[in-house]
Amino acid sequence: MVSISVNLANIAGTEAALGWAGAHTLVADRPAGKAGGKGLGFNGGELLALAIGGCFANDLRYVAHAKGVALGKIELGVTLDLEGEPLIVTGARMAVTCETTDGSDPRPVIEEAKADSTVSNSIIRGFPVTIEAG
């Protein structure tokens, strides 16, 4: 089994959190004026949408490299639908624009990336989340 771990800690003087994995960092916060948030970073829903889109963008590159296809412009838009109390994600939609540098049809790359996408496939299948007080 492979594992990925990240860490988060509060940022002194704010109510935001700094998240890191290795040398990479990001800030998580609520929108300005919401529960002490100052809008210093992404909220959880935005991070989830970025995880879906970011993973897929990487998967496009993995598939293209394996197929020997050079990709040019890639654009992704991810929309999450949320409902209920507590608010939960009830669906996600991703629009993909992808071009090959030789003008060939990018759809086979997109379709294979769909089949291989770790984040999207994990969400679709569902997985347990445990939360333990430390």
N, C-alpha and C. Protein backbone atom coordinates (compact mmCIF):
# COMPACT_ATOMS: atom_id res chain seq x y z
N MET A 1 0.85 -1.17 0.00
CA MET A 1 0.00 0.00 0.00
C MET A 1 0.89 1.23 0.00
N VAL A 2 0.48 2.24 -0.74
CA VAL A 2 1.15 3.54 -0.80
C VAL A 2 0.37 4.50 0.08
N SER A 3 1.04 5.39 0.77
CA SER A 3 0.38 6.41 1.59
C SER A 3 0.88 7.79 1.20
N ILE A 4 0.01 8.77 1.33
CA ILE A 4 0.35 10.17 1.17
C ILE A 4 -0.05 10.87 2.44
N SER A 5 0.83 11.66 3.00
CA SER A 5 0.52 12.40 4.22
C SER A 5 0.79 13.88 4.02
N VAL A 6 -0.06 14.69 4.61
CA VAL A 6 0.13 16.14 4.65
C VAL A 6 -0.02 16.57 6.10
N ASN A 7 0.41 17.78 6.41
CA ASN A 7 0.27 18.33 7.74
C ASN A 7 -0.31 19.73 7.62
N LEU A 8 -1.02 20.15 8.67
CA LEU A 8 -1.55 21.51 8.75
C LEU A 8 -1.34 22.02 10.16
N ALA A 9 -1.11 23.32 10.28
CA ALA A 9 -0.99 23.97 11.58
C ALA A 9 -1.48 25.40 11.44
N ASN A 10 -1.97 25.94 12.55
CA ASN A 10 -2.44 27.32 12.49
C ASN A 10 -1.30 28.28 12.17
N ILE A 11 -1.66 29.39 11.53
CA ILE A 11 -0.70 30.44 11.23
C ILE A 11 -0.84 31.48 12.32
N ALA A 12 0.22 31.71 13.08
CA ALA A 12 0.18 32.64 14.22
C ALA A 12 -0.39 33.99 13.80
N GLY A 13 -1.29 34.52 14.63
CA GLY A 13 -1.89 35.82 14.38
C GLY A 13 -3.09 35.78 13.44
N THR A 14 -3.44 34.59 12.99
CA THR A 14 -4.60 34.43 12.11
C THR A 14 -5.40 33.22 12.60
N GLU A 15 -6.52 32.99 11.98
CA GLU A 15 -7.28 31.77 12.22
C GLU A 15 -7.19 30.85 11.01
N ALA A 16 -6.22 31.11 10.14
CA ALA A 16 -5.99 30.28 8.95
C ALA A 16 -5.02 29.17 9.30
N ALA A 17 -4.92 28.20 8.41
CA ALA A 17 -4.00 27.08 8.60
C ALA A 17 -3.04 27.00 7.41
N LEU A 18 -1.80 26.66 7.71
CA LEU A 18 -0.81 26.40 6.67
C LEU A 18 -0.72 24.90 6.51
N GLY A 19 -0.90 24.43 5.28
CA GLY A 19 -0.77 23.01 4.99
C GLY A 19 0.51 22.79 4.22
N TRP A 20 1.16 21.63 4.46
CA TRP A 20 2.39 21.35 3.72
C TRP A 20 2.56 19.86 3.50
N ALA A 21 3.25 19.58 2.41
CA ALA A 21 3.70 18.23 2.07
C ALA A 21 5.06 18.43 1.44
N GLY A 22 6.10 17.95 2.11
CA GLY A 22 7.45 18.20 1.63
C GLY A 22 7.72 19.70 1.60
N ALA A 23 8.17 20.20 0.47
CA ALA A 23 8.49 21.62 0.33
C ALA A 23 7.32 22.45 -0.20
N HIS A 24 6.16 21.83 -0.40
CA HIS A 24 5.01 22.53 -0.97
C HIS A 24 4.05 22.97 0.12
N THR A 25 3.53 24.20 0.01
CA THR A 25 2.62 24.73 1.02
C THR A 25 1.40 25.37 0.38
N LEU A 26 0.35 25.49 1.19
CA LEU A 26 -0.82 26.27 0.81
C LEU A 26 -1.51 26.73 2.08
N VAL A 27 -2.38 27.72 1.93
CA VAL A 27 -3.11 28.27 3.07
C VAL A 27 -4.57 27.90 2.93
N ALA A 28 -5.14 27.41 4.03
CA ALA A 28 -6.57 27.10 4.11
C ALA A 28 -7.20 28.12 5.06
N ASP A 29 -8.31 28.70 4.65
CA ASP A 29 -8.98 29.72 5.46
C ASP A 29 -10.44 29.76 5.06
N ARG A 30 -11.23 30.43 5.83
CA ARG A 30 -12.61 30.69 5.46
C ARG A 30 -12.68 32.03 4.75
N PRO A 31 -13.79 32.28 4.04
CA PRO A 31 -13.93 33.59 3.40
C PRO A 31 -13.88 34.71 4.44
N ALA A 32 -13.46 35.88 4.04
CA ALA A 32 -13.39 37.02 4.95
C ALA A 32 -14.74 37.23 5.63
N GLY A 33 -14.70 37.36 6.95
CA GLY A 33 -15.91 37.61 7.72
C GLY A 33 -16.70 36.37 8.10
N LYS A 34 -16.27 35.20 7.68
CA LYS A 34 -16.97 33.95 8.01
C LYS A 34 -16.20 33.19 9.09
N ALA A 35 -16.77 33.12 10.28
CA ALA A 35 -16.19 32.35 11.39
C ALA A 35 -14.72 32.69 11.62
N GLY A 36 -14.38 33.98 11.59
CA GLY A 36 -13.01 34.43 11.85
C GLY A 36 -12.10 34.37 10.65
N GLY A 37 -12.62 33.95 9.51
CA GLY A 37 -11.80 33.86 8.31
C GLY A 37 -11.40 35.22 7.79
N LYS A 38 -10.28 35.26 7.13
CA LYS A 38 -9.80 36.49 6.52
C LYS A 38 -9.62 36.33 5.01
N GLY A 39 -10.04 35.21 4.46
CA GLY A 39 -9.89 34.99 3.03
C GLY A 39 -8.44 34.87 2.60
N LEU A 40 -7.59 34.35 3.49
CA LEU A 40 -6.16 34.26 3.20
C LEU A 40 -5.80 33.06 2.32
N GLY A 41 -6.73 32.16 2.15
CA GLY A 41 -6.43 30.95 1.37
C GLY A 41 -7.69 30.28 0.90
N PHE A 42 -7.54 29.07 0.45
CA PHE A 42 -8.64 28.28 -0.09
C PHE A 42 -9.50 27.71 1.03
N ASN A 43 -10.82 27.62 0.80
CA ASN A 43 -11.64 26.91 1.77
C ASN A 43 -11.65 25.43 1.41
N GLY A 44 -12.23 24.61 2.24
CA GLY A 44 -12.19 23.16 2.03
C GLY A 44 -12.81 22.72 0.73
N GLY A 45 -13.94 23.31 0.34
CA GLY A 45 -14.58 22.95 -0.92
C GLY A 45 -13.69 23.28 -2.10
N GLU A 46 -13.06 24.45 -2.05
CA GLU A 46 -12.14 24.83 -3.13
C GLU A 46 -10.96 23.87 -3.20
N LEU A 47 -10.46 23.45 -2.03
CA LEU A 47 -9.36 22.49 -2.02
C LEU A 47 -9.78 21.16 -2.62
N LEU A 48 -11.02 20.74 -2.34
CA LEU A 48 -11.51 19.49 -2.92
C LEU A 48 -11.62 19.62 -4.44
N ALA A 49 -12.17 20.74 -4.91
CA ALA A 49 -12.28 20.96 -6.36
C ALA A 49 -10.89 21.02 -6.99
N LEU A 50 -9.94 21.67 -6.33
CA LEU A 50 -8.57 21.72 -6.84
C LEU A 50 -7.94 20.33 -6.86
N ALA A 51 -8.24 19.51 -5.86
CA ALA A 51 -7.71 18.14 -5.85
C ALA A 51 -8.24 17.35 -7.03
N ILE A 52 -9.53 17.50 -7.33
CA ILE A 52 -10.11 16.79 -8.46
C ILE A 52 -9.47 17.26 -9.76
N GLY A 53 -9.41 18.57 -9.96
CA GLY A 53 -8.85 19.11 -11.19
C GLY A 53 -7.34 18.95 -11.29
N GLY A 54 -6.64 19.16 -10.18
CA GLY A 54 -5.18 19.02 -10.20
C GLY A 54 -4.75 17.60 -10.48
N CYS A 55 -5.42 16.64 -9.88
CA CYS A 55 -5.11 15.24 -10.14
C CYS A 55 -5.36 14.91 -11.60
N PHE A 56 -6.48 15.39 -12.14
CA PHE A 56 -6.81 15.09 -13.53
C PHE A 56 -5.81 15.74 -14.48
N ALA A 57 -5.38 16.95 -14.18
CA ALA A 57 -4.37 17.61 -15.02
C ALA A 57 -3.09 16.79 -15.05
N ASN A 58 -2.68 16.29 -13.89
CA ASN A 58 -1.50 15.42 -13.84
C ASN A 58 -1.74 14.12 -14.60
N ASP A 59 -2.93 13.54 -14.44
CA ASP A 59 -3.24 12.29 -15.13
C ASP A 59 -3.21 12.46 -16.65
N LEU A 60 -3.67 13.61 -17.15
CA LEU A 60 -3.57 13.87 -18.58
C LEU A 60 -2.12 13.79 -19.04
N ARG A 61 -1.22 14.37 -18.26
CA ARG A 61 0.20 14.34 -18.61
C ARG A 61 0.77 12.93 -18.53
N TYR A 62 0.41 12.19 -17.48
CA TYR A 62 0.89 10.80 -17.36
C TYR A 62 0.47 9.97 -18.57
N VAL A 63 -0.81 10.07 -18.93
CA VAL A 63 -1.33 9.30 -20.06
C VAL A 63 -0.67 9.74 -21.36
N ALA A 64 -0.57 11.03 -21.57
CA ALA A 64 0.03 11.55 -22.80
C ALA A 64 1.47 11.08 -22.94
N HIS A 65 2.23 11.14 -21.85
CA HIS A 65 3.62 10.67 -21.91
C HIS A 65 3.68 9.18 -22.24
N ALA A 66 2.82 8.39 -21.63
CA ALA A 66 2.82 6.95 -21.89
C ALA A 66 2.45 6.64 -23.34
N LYS A 67 1.58 7.45 -23.93
CA LYS A 67 1.15 7.24 -25.30
C LYS A 67 2.07 7.93 -26.32
N GLY A 68 3.02 8.72 -25.83
CA GLY A 68 3.90 9.45 -26.74
C GLY A 68 3.20 10.61 -27.43
N VAL A 69 2.19 11.17 -26.75
CA VAL A 69 1.42 12.30 -27.29
C VAL A 69 1.87 13.57 -26.57
N ALA A 70 2.22 14.60 -27.34
CA ALA A 70 2.60 15.88 -26.74
C ALA A 70 1.35 16.74 -26.58
N LEU A 71 1.12 17.21 -25.36
CA LEU A 71 -0.03 18.07 -25.10
C LEU A 71 0.40 19.52 -25.11
N GLY A 72 -0.48 20.35 -25.60
CA GLY A 72 -0.29 21.79 -25.55
C GLY A 72 -1.14 22.35 -24.43
N LYS A 73 -2.10 23.16 -24.80
CA LYS A 73 -2.97 23.84 -23.84
C LYS A 73 -3.90 22.85 -23.13
N ILE A 74 -3.96 22.98 -21.82
CA ILE A 74 -4.89 22.22 -20.99
C ILE A 74 -5.63 23.23 -20.11
N GLU A 75 -6.95 23.14 -20.09
CA GLU A 75 -7.74 23.96 -19.17
C GLU A 75 -8.80 23.07 -18.54
N LEU A 76 -8.97 23.21 -17.24
CA LEU A 76 -9.96 22.44 -16.49
C LEU A 76 -10.80 23.39 -15.65
N GLY A 77 -12.08 23.14 -15.61
CA GLY A 77 -12.96 23.86 -14.69
C GLY A 77 -13.72 22.83 -13.88
N VAL A 78 -13.70 22.97 -12.57
CA VAL A 78 -14.37 22.02 -11.68
C VAL A 78 -15.43 22.78 -10.89
N THR A 79 -16.65 22.25 -10.90
CA THR A 79 -17.74 22.83 -10.13
C THR A 79 -18.26 21.78 -9.16
N LEU A 80 -18.36 22.14 -7.89
CA LEU A 80 -18.94 21.25 -6.89
C LEU A 80 -20.36 21.72 -6.59
N ASP A 81 -21.28 20.80 -6.47
CA ASP A 81 -22.64 21.09 -6.04
C ASP A 81 -22.74 20.68 -4.57
N LEU A 82 -23.26 21.60 -3.75
CA LEU A 82 -23.35 21.35 -2.31
C LEU A 82 -24.79 21.56 -1.84
N GLU A 83 -25.22 20.71 -0.90
CA GLU A 83 -26.56 20.80 -0.35
C GLU A 83 -26.55 20.32 1.10
N GLY A 84 -27.62 20.66 1.81
CA GLY A 84 -27.89 20.08 3.11
C GLY A 84 -27.30 20.81 4.28
N GLU A 85 -27.58 20.22 5.44
CA GLU A 85 -27.08 20.73 6.71
C GLU A 85 -26.66 19.53 7.54
N PRO A 86 -25.40 19.22 7.74
CA PRO A 86 -24.28 20.04 7.29
C PRO A 86 -24.15 20.01 5.76
N LEU A 87 -23.56 21.05 5.23
CA LEU A 87 -23.36 21.17 3.80
C LEU A 87 -22.41 20.08 3.32
N ILE A 88 -22.85 19.31 2.32
CA ILE A 88 -21.99 18.26 1.76
C ILE A 88 -21.99 18.38 0.24
N VAL A 89 -20.95 17.87 -0.37
CA VAL A 89 -20.86 17.84 -1.82
C VAL A 89 -21.76 16.71 -2.32
N THR A 90 -22.66 17.06 -3.23
CA THR A 90 -23.57 16.07 -3.79
C THR A 90 -23.20 15.71 -5.23
N GLY A 91 -22.26 16.42 -5.79
CA GLY A 91 -21.81 16.12 -7.14
C GLY A 91 -20.68 17.04 -7.55
N ALA A 92 -19.94 16.60 -8.54
CA ALA A 92 -18.84 17.40 -9.09
C ALA A 92 -18.88 17.28 -10.60
N ARG A 93 -18.62 18.38 -11.27
CA ARG A 93 -18.57 18.40 -12.73
C ARG A 93 -17.25 19.02 -13.15
N MET A 94 -16.60 18.42 -14.13
CA MET A 94 -15.34 18.95 -14.63
C MET A 94 -15.44 19.11 -16.14
N ALA A 95 -15.09 20.30 -16.61
CA ALA A 95 -15.00 20.58 -18.05
C ALA A 95 -13.53 20.57 -18.42
N VAL A 96 -13.17 19.82 -19.46
CA VAL A 96 -11.78 19.65 -19.86
C VAL A 96 -11.59 20.15 -21.29
N THR A 97 -10.63 21.03 -21.46
CA THR A 97 -10.18 21.42 -22.79
C THR A 97 -8.72 21.02 -22.87
N CYS A 98 -8.40 20.25 -23.88
CA CYS A 98 -7.05 19.70 -24.01
C CYS A 98 -6.69 19.69 -25.49
N GLU A 99 -5.51 20.18 -25.80
CA GLU A 99 -5.05 20.19 -27.18
C GLU A 99 -3.75 19.41 -27.31
N THR A 100 -3.60 18.71 -28.41
CA THR A 100 -2.34 18.05 -28.71
C THR A 100 -1.52 18.99 -29.60
N THR A 101 -0.22 18.89 -29.54
CA THR A 101 0.62 19.79 -30.33
C THR A 101 0.60 19.44 -31.81
N ASP A 102 0.21 18.19 -32.14
CA ASP A 102 0.17 17.80 -33.55
C ASP A 102 -1.24 17.88 -34.15
N GLY A 103 -2.20 18.38 -33.35
CA GLY A 103 -3.56 18.54 -33.83
C GLY A 103 -4.40 17.26 -33.81
N SER A 104 -3.85 16.16 -33.30
CA SER A 104 -4.62 14.92 -33.23
C SER A 104 -5.72 15.05 -32.16
N ASP A 105 -6.67 14.15 -32.22
CA ASP A 105 -7.81 14.15 -31.31
C ASP A 105 -7.34 13.84 -29.88
N PRO A 106 -7.59 14.73 -28.92
CA PRO A 106 -7.15 14.48 -27.54
C PRO A 106 -8.09 13.58 -26.75
N ARG A 107 -9.25 13.23 -27.31
CA ARG A 107 -10.24 12.46 -26.55
C ARG A 107 -9.73 11.13 -26.02
N PRO A 108 -8.91 10.38 -26.75
CA PRO A 108 -8.40 9.14 -26.15
C PRO A 108 -7.54 9.39 -24.90
N VAL A 109 -6.80 10.46 -24.89
CA VAL A 109 -6.00 10.81 -23.70
C VAL A 109 -6.92 11.17 -22.55
N ILE A 110 -7.94 11.98 -22.84
CA ILE A 110 -8.90 12.39 -21.80
C ILE A 110 -9.62 11.17 -21.24
N GLU A 111 -10.08 10.28 -22.10
CA GLU A 111 -10.82 9.09 -21.65
C GLU A 111 -9.95 8.18 -20.78
N GLU A 112 -8.70 7.98 -21.18
CA GLU A 112 -7.82 7.14 -20.37
C GLU A 112 -7.50 7.80 -19.03
N ALA A 113 -7.33 9.13 -19.05
CA ALA A 113 -7.10 9.85 -17.79
C ALA A 113 -8.31 9.71 -16.87
N LYS A 114 -9.51 9.75 -17.43
CA LYS A 114 -10.73 9.53 -16.63
C LYS A 114 -10.68 8.18 -15.94
N ALA A 115 -10.26 7.17 -16.66
CA ALA A 115 -10.21 5.81 -16.11
C ALA A 115 -9.13 5.68 -15.04
N ASP A 116 -8.07 6.48 -15.12
CA ASP A 116 -6.92 6.35 -14.22
C ASP A 116 -6.88 7.36 -13.07
N SER A 117 -7.77 8.33 -13.05
CA SER A 117 -7.66 9.44 -12.09
C SER A 117 -7.85 8.99 -10.64
N THR A 118 -6.82 9.09 -9.86
CA THR A 118 -6.84 8.64 -8.47
C THR A 118 -7.91 9.36 -7.66
N VAL A 119 -7.93 10.68 -7.70
CA VAL A 119 -8.87 11.44 -6.85
C VAL A 119 -10.30 11.22 -7.30
N SER A 120 -10.58 11.39 -8.58
CA SER A 120 -11.96 11.22 -9.06
C SER A 120 -12.47 9.81 -8.79
N ASN A 121 -11.67 8.81 -9.10
CA ASN A 121 -12.10 7.43 -8.87
C ASN A 121 -12.27 7.12 -7.39
N SER A 122 -11.44 7.72 -6.54
CA SER A 122 -11.58 7.51 -5.10
C SER A 122 -12.88 8.12 -4.59
N ILE A 123 -13.20 9.31 -5.06
CA ILE A 123 -14.44 9.96 -4.63
C ILE A 123 -15.65 9.19 -5.14
N ILE A 124 -15.62 8.78 -6.39
CA ILE A 124 -16.73 8.03 -6.98
C ILE A 124 -16.99 6.75 -6.19
N ARG A 125 -15.94 6.05 -5.81
CA ARG A 125 -16.09 4.78 -5.09
C ARG A 125 -16.34 4.97 -3.60
N GLY A 126 -15.94 6.09 -3.08
CA GLY A 126 -16.08 6.37 -1.67
C GLY A 126 -15.01 5.70 -0.85
N PHE A 127 -14.69 6.27 0.27
CA PHE A 127 -13.69 5.71 1.17
C PHE A 127 -13.96 6.22 2.58
N PRO A 128 -13.59 5.44 3.58
CA PRO A 128 -13.83 5.89 4.95
C PRO A 128 -12.86 7.00 5.35
N VAL A 129 -13.35 7.89 6.17
CA VAL A 129 -12.52 8.95 6.75
C VAL A 129 -12.64 8.81 8.26
N THR A 130 -11.53 8.63 8.93
CA THR A 130 -11.56 8.56 10.40
C THR A 130 -10.95 9.84 10.94
N ILE A 131 -11.54 10.35 12.01
CA ILE A 131 -11.05 11.56 12.66
C ILE A 131 -10.85 11.23 14.13
N GLU A 132 -9.62 11.38 14.58
CA GLU A 132 -9.27 11.04 15.96
C GLU A 132 -8.70 12.26 16.66
N ALA A 133 -9.13 12.51 17.86
CA ALA A 133 -8.58 13.61 18.66
C ALA A 133 -7.21 13.18 19.18
N GLY A 134 -6.23 14.07 19.07
CA GLY A 134 -4.89 13.72 19.50
C GLY A 134 -4.43 14.47 20.69
